[in-house]
């Protein structure tokens, strides 16, 4: 039982650490953060387009 709560504590700690890193990165390098968001959005749009083409090819 102690290990389960330890896992929750670790997950909570890692979540907070990741959040702190994201805030730090945004403050230190807003241009880099904007580029990551742009690249992610472009990748998602490309994936959506590819999925759309695949589904259309099935019909």
Protein backbone atom coordinates (compact mmCIF):
# COMPACT_ATOMS: atom_id res chain seq x y z
CA UNK A 1 0.00 0.00 0.00
CA UNK A 2 2.89 2.36 0.75
CA UNK A 3 4.31 1.88 -2.73
CA UNK A 4 1.07 2.94 -4.41
CA UNK A 5 1.02 6.24 -2.55
CA UNK A 6 4.74 6.64 -3.29
CA UNK A 7 3.97 6.29 -6.98
CA UNK A 8 1.31 8.97 -6.72
CA UNK A 9 3.74 11.27 -4.95
CA UNK A 10 6.35 10.73 -7.65
CA UNK A 11 3.81 11.36 -10.40
CA UNK A 12 2.66 14.54 -8.65
CA UNK A 13 6.27 15.70 -8.22
CA UNK A 14 7.13 15.01 -11.86
CA UNK A 15 4.00 16.83 -13.03
CA UNK A 16 4.94 19.91 -10.99
CA UNK A 17 8.56 19.70 -12.17
CA UNK A 18 7.47 19.49 -15.80
CA UNK A 19 5.12 22.45 -15.32
CA UNK A 20 7.91 24.49 -13.71
CA UNK A 21 10.24 23.63 -16.59
CA UNK A 22 7.66 24.72 -19.16
CA UNK A 23 7.15 28.06 -17.39
CA UNK A 24 10.92 28.54 -17.12
CA UNK A 25 11.39 27.73 -20.82
CA UNK A 26 8.62 30.12 -21.84
CA UNK A 27 10.19 32.93 -19.84
CA UNK A 28 13.75 32.27 -21.01
CA UNK A 29 13.05 31.55 -24.67
CA UNK A 30 9.64 32.73 -25.88
CA UNK A 31 10.75 32.52 -29.52
CA UNK A 32 11.81 28.90 -29.12
CA UNK A 33 8.56 28.07 -27.35
CA UNK A 34 6.57 29.71 -30.14
CA UNK A 35 8.51 27.67 -32.71
CA UNK A 36 7.69 24.44 -30.84
CA UNK A 37 3.99 25.34 -30.79
CA UNK A 38 4.11 26.22 -34.50
CA UNK A 39 5.87 22.95 -35.40
CA UNK A 40 3.43 20.93 -33.30
CA UNK A 41 0.42 22.61 -34.90
CA UNK A 42 1.87 22.05 -38.37
CA UNK A 43 2.49 18.39 -37.61
CA UNK A 44 -1.06 17.93 -36.32
CA UNK A 45 -2.49 19.67 -39.39
CA UNK A 46 -0.41 17.45 -41.66
CA UNK A 47 -1.54 14.33 -39.80
CA UNK A 48 -5.16 15.44 -40.09
CA UNK A 49 -4.76 16.06 -43.80
CA UNK A 50 -3.18 12.64 -44.29
CA UNK A 51 -5.99 10.97 -42.33
CA UNK A 52 -8.56 12.83 -44.39
CA UNK A 53 -6.95 11.69 -47.64
CA UNK A 54 -6.83 8.10 -46.37
CA UNK A 55 -10.51 8.10 -45.40
CA UNK A 56 -11.48 9.67 -48.73
CA UNK A 57 -9.49 7.01 -50.56
CA UNK A 58 -11.52 4.31 -48.80
CA UNK A 59 -14.82 5.63 -50.12
